[in-house]
Every structure is written in structure tokens, then in C-alpha cells.
Amino acid sequence: MLLMLLDHVRETFFLHMQVPDPMIAGETLADRFLVDLLLIFVRRFLFF
């Protein structure tokens, strides 16, 4: 649940920073990519 909370409020923390488009894989930061990848699997378990 904490990971999902961080996912929803993440944009609040990055308002003062230039964040690249997450749809362009070459510009995406590695830590953000890994968190998004992890949350894909977490969402499936929370849904069921």
C-alpha cells in the first residue's frame, strides 16, 4: 500500500524538477523505471 501511495503522490515531489517523459525509455531515469516496473506487479496483487 505504501508503494501505491508513493506512486500517486510522486508528482508532488517532482514539481520543482524537470522530469523527462516516462513514455520515452531512453530519457527515463533508471530508478523511476524500476519503481514503475515494480508497481506493475504490485497493482495486480492489490487488485485481486
PDB file of N, CA and C in Angstrom:
ATOM      1  N   MET A   1       0.822  -1.192   0.000  1.00  0.00           N
ATOM      2  CA  MET A   1       0.000   0.000   0.000  1.00  0.00           C
ATOM      3  C   MET A   1       0.869   1.259   0.000  1.00  0.00           C
ATOM      4  N   LEU A   2       1.995   1.215   0.698  1.00  0.00           N
ATOM      5  CA  LEU A   2       2.875   2.384   0.716  1.00  0.00           C
ATOM      6  C   LEU A   2       3.460   2.664  -0.659  1.00  0.00           C
ATOM      7  N   LEU A   3       3.776   1.611  -1.406  1.00  0.00           N
ATOM      8  CA  LEU A   3       4.289   1.816  -2.758  1.00  0.00           C
ATOM      9  C   LEU A   3       3.241   2.482  -3.640  1.00  0.00           C
ATOM     10  N   MET A   4       2.003   2.079  -3.491  1.00  0.00           N
ATOM     11  CA  MET A   4       0.941   2.694  -4.284  1.00  0.00           C
ATOM     12  C   MET A   4       0.740   4.158  -3.874  1.00  0.00           C
ATOM     13  N   LEU A   5       0.862   4.444  -2.596  1.00  0.00           N
ATOM     14  CA  LEU A   5       0.751   5.820  -2.130  1.00  0.00           C
ATOM     15  C   LEU A   5       1.865   6.673  -2.720  1.00  0.00           C
ATOM     16  N   LEU A   6       3.081   6.159  -2.713  1.00  0.00           N
ATOM     17  CA  LEU A   6       4.199   6.889  -3.306  1.00  0.00           C
ATOM     18  C   LEU A   6       3.995   7.107  -4.797  1.00  0.00           C
ATOM     19  N   ASP A   7       3.423   6.144  -5.459  1.00  0.00           N
ATOM     20  CA  ASP A   7       3.165   6.285  -6.886  1.00  0.00           C
ATOM     21  C   ASP A   7       2.185   7.422  -7.151  1.00  0.00           C
ATOM     22  N   HIS A   8       1.184   7.566  -6.310  1.00  0.00           N
ATOM     23  CA  HIS A   8       0.168   8.589  -6.532  1.00  0.00           C
ATOM     24  C   HIS A   8       0.639   9.984  -6.144  1.00  0.00           C
ATOM     25  N   VAL A   9       1.528  10.103  -5.188  1.00  0.00           N
ATOM     26  CA  VAL A   9       1.993  11.430  -4.765  1.00  0.00           C
ATOM     27  C   VAL A   9       3.377  11.765  -5.313  1.00  0.00           C
ATOM     28  N   ARG A  10       3.912  10.933  -6.163  1.00  0.00           N
ATOM     29  CA  ARG A  10       5.260  11.141  -6.700  1.00  0.00           C
ATOM     30  C   ARG A  10       5.379  12.460  -7.453  1.00  0.00           C
ATOM     31  N   GLU A  11       4.371  12.836  -8.207  1.00  0.00           N
ATOM     32  CA  GLU A  11       4.442  14.068  -8.987  1.00  0.00           C
ATOM     33  C   GLU A  11       4.555  15.297  -8.091  1.00  0.00           C
ATOM     34  N   THR A  12       4.028  15.233  -6.889  1.00  0.00           N
ATOM     35  CA  THR A  12       4.132  16.353  -5.962  1.00  0.00           C
ATOM     36  C   THR A  12       5.581  16.626  -5.596  1.00  0.00           C
ATOM     37  N   PHE A  13       6.379  15.569  -5.452  1.00  0.00           N
ATOM     38  CA  PHE A  13       7.778  15.732  -5.089  1.00  0.00           C
ATOM     39  C   PHE A  13       8.622  16.245  -6.254  1.00  0.00           C
ATOM     40  N   PHE A  14       8.182  16.019  -7.478  1.00  0.00           N
ATOM     41  CA  PHE A  14       8.968  16.390  -8.647  1.00  0.00           C
ATOM     42  C   PHE A  14       8.453  17.652  -9.333  1.00  0.00           C
ATOM     43  N   LEU A  15       7.615  18.443  -8.682  1.00  0.00           N
ATOM     44  CA  LEU A  15       7.097  19.656  -9.302  1.00  0.00           C
ATOM     45  C   LEU A  15       8.197  20.659  -9.616  1.00  0.00           C
ATOM     46  N   HIS A  16       9.228  20.727  -8.804  1.00  0.00           N
ATOM     47  CA  HIS A  16      10.302  21.700  -8.991  1.00  0.00           C
ATOM     48  C   HIS A  16      11.420  21.189  -9.908  1.00  0.00           C
ATOM     49  N   MET A  17      11.303  19.985 -10.430  1.00  0.00           N
ATOM     50  CA  MET A  17      12.348  19.391 -11.271  1.00  0.00           C
ATOM     51  C   MET A  17      11.819  19.158 -12.682  1.00  0.00           C
ATOM     52  N   GLN A  18      12.728  19.180 -13.644  1.00  0.00           N
ATOM     53  CA  GLN A  18      12.385  18.786 -14.995  1.00  0.00           C
ATOM     54  C   GLN A  18      12.447  17.267 -15.064  1.00  0.00           C
ATOM     55  N   VAL A  19      11.321  16.636 -15.267  1.00  0.00           N
ATOM     56  CA  VAL A  19      11.252  15.183 -15.344  1.00  0.00           C
ATOM     57  C   VAL A  19      10.957  14.813 -16.792  1.00  0.00           C
ATOM     58  N   PRO A  20      11.775  13.936 -17.386  1.00  0.00           N
ATOM     59  CA  PRO A  20      11.530  13.554 -18.782  1.00  0.00           C
ATOM     60  C   PRO A  20      10.238  12.756 -18.931  1.00  0.00           C
ATOM     61  N   ASP A  21       9.778  12.685 -20.145  1.00  0.00           N
ATOM     62  CA  ASP A  21       8.557  11.949 -20.461  1.00  0.00           C
ATOM     63  C   ASP A  21       8.764  10.468 -20.153  1.00  0.00           C
ATOM     64  N   PRO A  22       7.939   9.851 -19.302  1.00  0.00           N
ATOM     65  CA  PRO A  22       8.149   8.445 -18.947  1.00  0.00           C
ATOM     66  C   PRO A  22       7.886   7.479 -20.098  1.00  0.00           C
ATOM     67  N   MET A  23       7.241   7.949 -21.156  1.00  0.00           N
ATOM     68  CA  MET A  23       6.966   7.081 -22.299  1.00  0.00           C
ATOM     69  C   MET A  23       8.184   6.912 -23.207  1.00  0.00           C
ATOM     70  N   ILE A  24       9.183   7.778 -23.071  1.00  0.00           N
ATOM     71  CA  ILE A  24      10.404   7.674 -23.864  1.00  0.00           C
ATOM     72  C   ILE A  24      11.434   6.944 -23.007  1.00  0.00           C
ATOM     73  N   ALA A  25      11.693   5.701 -23.344  1.00  0.00           N
ATOM     74  CA  ALA A  25      12.530   4.847 -22.491  1.00  0.00           C
ATOM     75  C   ALA A  25      13.960   5.362 -22.374  1.00  0.00           C
ATOM     76  N   GLY A  26      14.487   5.978 -23.394  1.00  0.00           N
ATOM     77  CA  GLY A  26      15.864   6.470 -23.350  1.00  0.00           C
ATOM     78  C   GLY A  26      16.063   7.639 -22.413  1.00  0.00           C
ATOM     79  N   GLU A  27      15.009   8.390 -22.138  1.00  0.00           N
ATOM     80  CA  GLU A  27      15.107   9.560 -21.265  1.00  0.00           C
ATOM     81  C   GLU A  27      14.670   9.277 -19.835  1.00  0.00           C
ATOM     82  N   THR A  28      14.085   8.127 -19.595  1.00  0.00           N
ATOM     83  CA  THR A  28      13.566   7.803 -18.268  1.00  0.00           C
ATOM     84  C   THR A  28      14.706   7.448 -17.321  1.00  0.00           C
ATOM     85  N   LEU A  29      14.661   7.988 -16.123  1.00  0.00           N
ATOM     86  CA  LEU A  29      15.671   7.675 -15.115  1.00  0.00           C
ATOM     87  C   LEU A  29      15.525   6.227 -14.670  1.00  0.00           C
ATOM     88  N   ALA A  30      16.646   5.607 -14.354  1.00  0.00           N
ATOM     89  CA  ALA A  30      16.640   4.181 -14.008  1.00  0.00           C
ATOM     90  C   ALA A  30      15.812   3.903 -12.756  1.00  0.00           C
ATOM     91  N   ASP A  31      15.926   4.751 -11.742  1.00  0.00           N
ATOM     92  CA  ASP A  31      15.173   4.489 -10.508  1.00  0.00           C
ATOM     93  C   ASP A  31      13.667   4.629 -10.731  1.00  0.00           C
ATOM     94  N   ARG A  32      13.269   5.591 -11.516  1.00  0.00           N
ATOM     95  CA  ARG A  32      11.834   5.731 -11.808  1.00  0.00           C
ATOM     96  C   ARG A  32      11.326   4.553 -12.630  1.00  0.00           C
ATOM     97  N   PHE A  33      12.126   4.093 -13.571  1.00  0.00           N
ATOM     98  CA  PHE A  33      11.741   2.949 -14.382  1.00  0.00           C
ATOM     99  C   PHE A  33      11.558   1.705 -13.520  1.00  0.00           C
ATOM    100  N   LEU A  34      12.485   1.467 -12.597  1.00  0.00           N
ATOM    101  CA  LEU A  34      12.402   0.282 -11.745  1.00  0.00           C
ATOM    102  C   LEU A  34      11.203   0.348 -10.799  1.00  0.00           C
ATOM    103  N   VAL A  35      10.909   1.530 -10.281  1.00  0.00           N
ATOM    104  CA  VAL A  35       9.742   1.675  -9.405  1.00  0.00           C
ATOM    105  C   VAL A  35       8.461   1.427 -10.190  1.00  0.00           C
ATOM    106  N   ASP A  36       8.377   1.967 -11.399  1.00  0.00           N
ATOM    107  CA  ASP A  36       7.187   1.731 -12.226  1.00  0.00           C
ATOM    108  C   ASP A  36       7.041   0.258 -12.566  1.00  0.00           C
ATOM    109  N   LEU A  37       8.149  -0.390 -12.868  1.00  0.00           N
ATOM    110  CA  LEU A  37       8.115  -1.816 -13.183  1.00  0.00           C
ATOM    111  C   LEU A  37       7.653  -2.630 -11.973  1.00  0.00           C
ATOM    112  N   LEU A  38       8.154  -2.296 -10.801  1.00  0.00           N
ATOM    113  CA  LEU A  38       7.745  -2.981  -9.578  1.00  0.00           C
ATOM    114  C   LEU A  38       6.258  -2.768  -9.298  1.00  0.00           C
ATOM    115  N   LEU A  39       5.781  -1.560  -9.526  1.00  0.00           N
ATOM    116  CA  LEU A  39       4.380  -1.259  -9.237  1.00  0.00           C
ATOM    117  C   LEU A  39       3.424  -1.959 -10.185  1.00  0.00           C
ATOM    118  N   ILE A  40       3.880  -2.309 -11.364  1.00  0.00           N
ATOM    119  CA  ILE A  40       3.028  -3.079 -12.273  1.00  0.00           C
ATOM    120  C   ILE A  40       2.623  -4.393 -11.613  1.00  0.00           C
ATOM    121  N   PHE A  41       3.581  -5.053 -10.960  1.00  0.00           N
ATOM    122  CA  PHE A  41       3.293  -6.329 -10.312  1.00  0.00           C
ATOM    123  C   PHE A  41       2.532  -6.145  -9.000  1.00  0.00           C
ATOM    124  N   VAL A  42       2.823  -5.083  -8.268  1.00  0.00           N
ATOM    125  CA  VAL A  42       2.137  -4.826  -7.003  1.00  0.00           C
ATOM    126  C   VAL A  42       0.661  -4.536  -7.252  1.00  0.00           C
ATOM    127  N   ARG A  43       0.351  -3.790  -8.297  1.00  0.00           N
ATOM    128  CA  ARG A  43      -1.050  -3.470  -8.605  1.00  0.00           C
ATOM    129  C   ARG A  43      -1.872  -4.725  -8.845  1.00  0.00           C
ATOM    130  N   ARG A  44      -1.284  -5.702  -9.478  1.00  0.00           N
ATOM    131  CA  ARG A  44      -2.016  -6.937  -9.764  1.00  0.00           C
ATOM    132  C   ARG A  44      -2.398  -7.667  -8.486  1.00  0.00           C
ATOM    133  N   PHE A  45      -1.509  -7.681  -7.504  1.00  0.00           N
ATOM    134  CA  PHE A  45      -1.817  -8.365  -6.252  1.00  0.00           C
ATOM    135  C   PHE A  45      -2.823  -7.584  -5.415  1.00  0.00           C
ATOM    136  N   LEU A  46      -2.781  -6.265  -5.467  1.00  0.00           N
ATOM    137  CA  LEU A  46      -3.729  -5.469  -4.699  1.00  0.00           C
ATOM    138  C   LEU A  46      -5.116  -5.501  -5.310  1.00  0.00           C
ATOM    139  N   PHE A  47      -5.195  -5.714  -6.597  1.00  0.00           N
ATOM    140  CA  PHE A  47      -6.495  -5.753  -7.262  1.00  0.00           C
ATOM    141  C   PHE A  47      -7.258  -7.018  -6.907  1.00  0.00           C
ATOM    142  N   PHE A  48      -6.558  -8.135  -6.812  1.00  0.00           N
ATOM    143  CA  PHE A  48      -7.234  -9.405  -6.528  1.00  0.00           C
ATOM    144  C   PHE A  48      -7.251  -9.615  -5.084  1.00  0.00           C
TER     145      PHE A  48
END
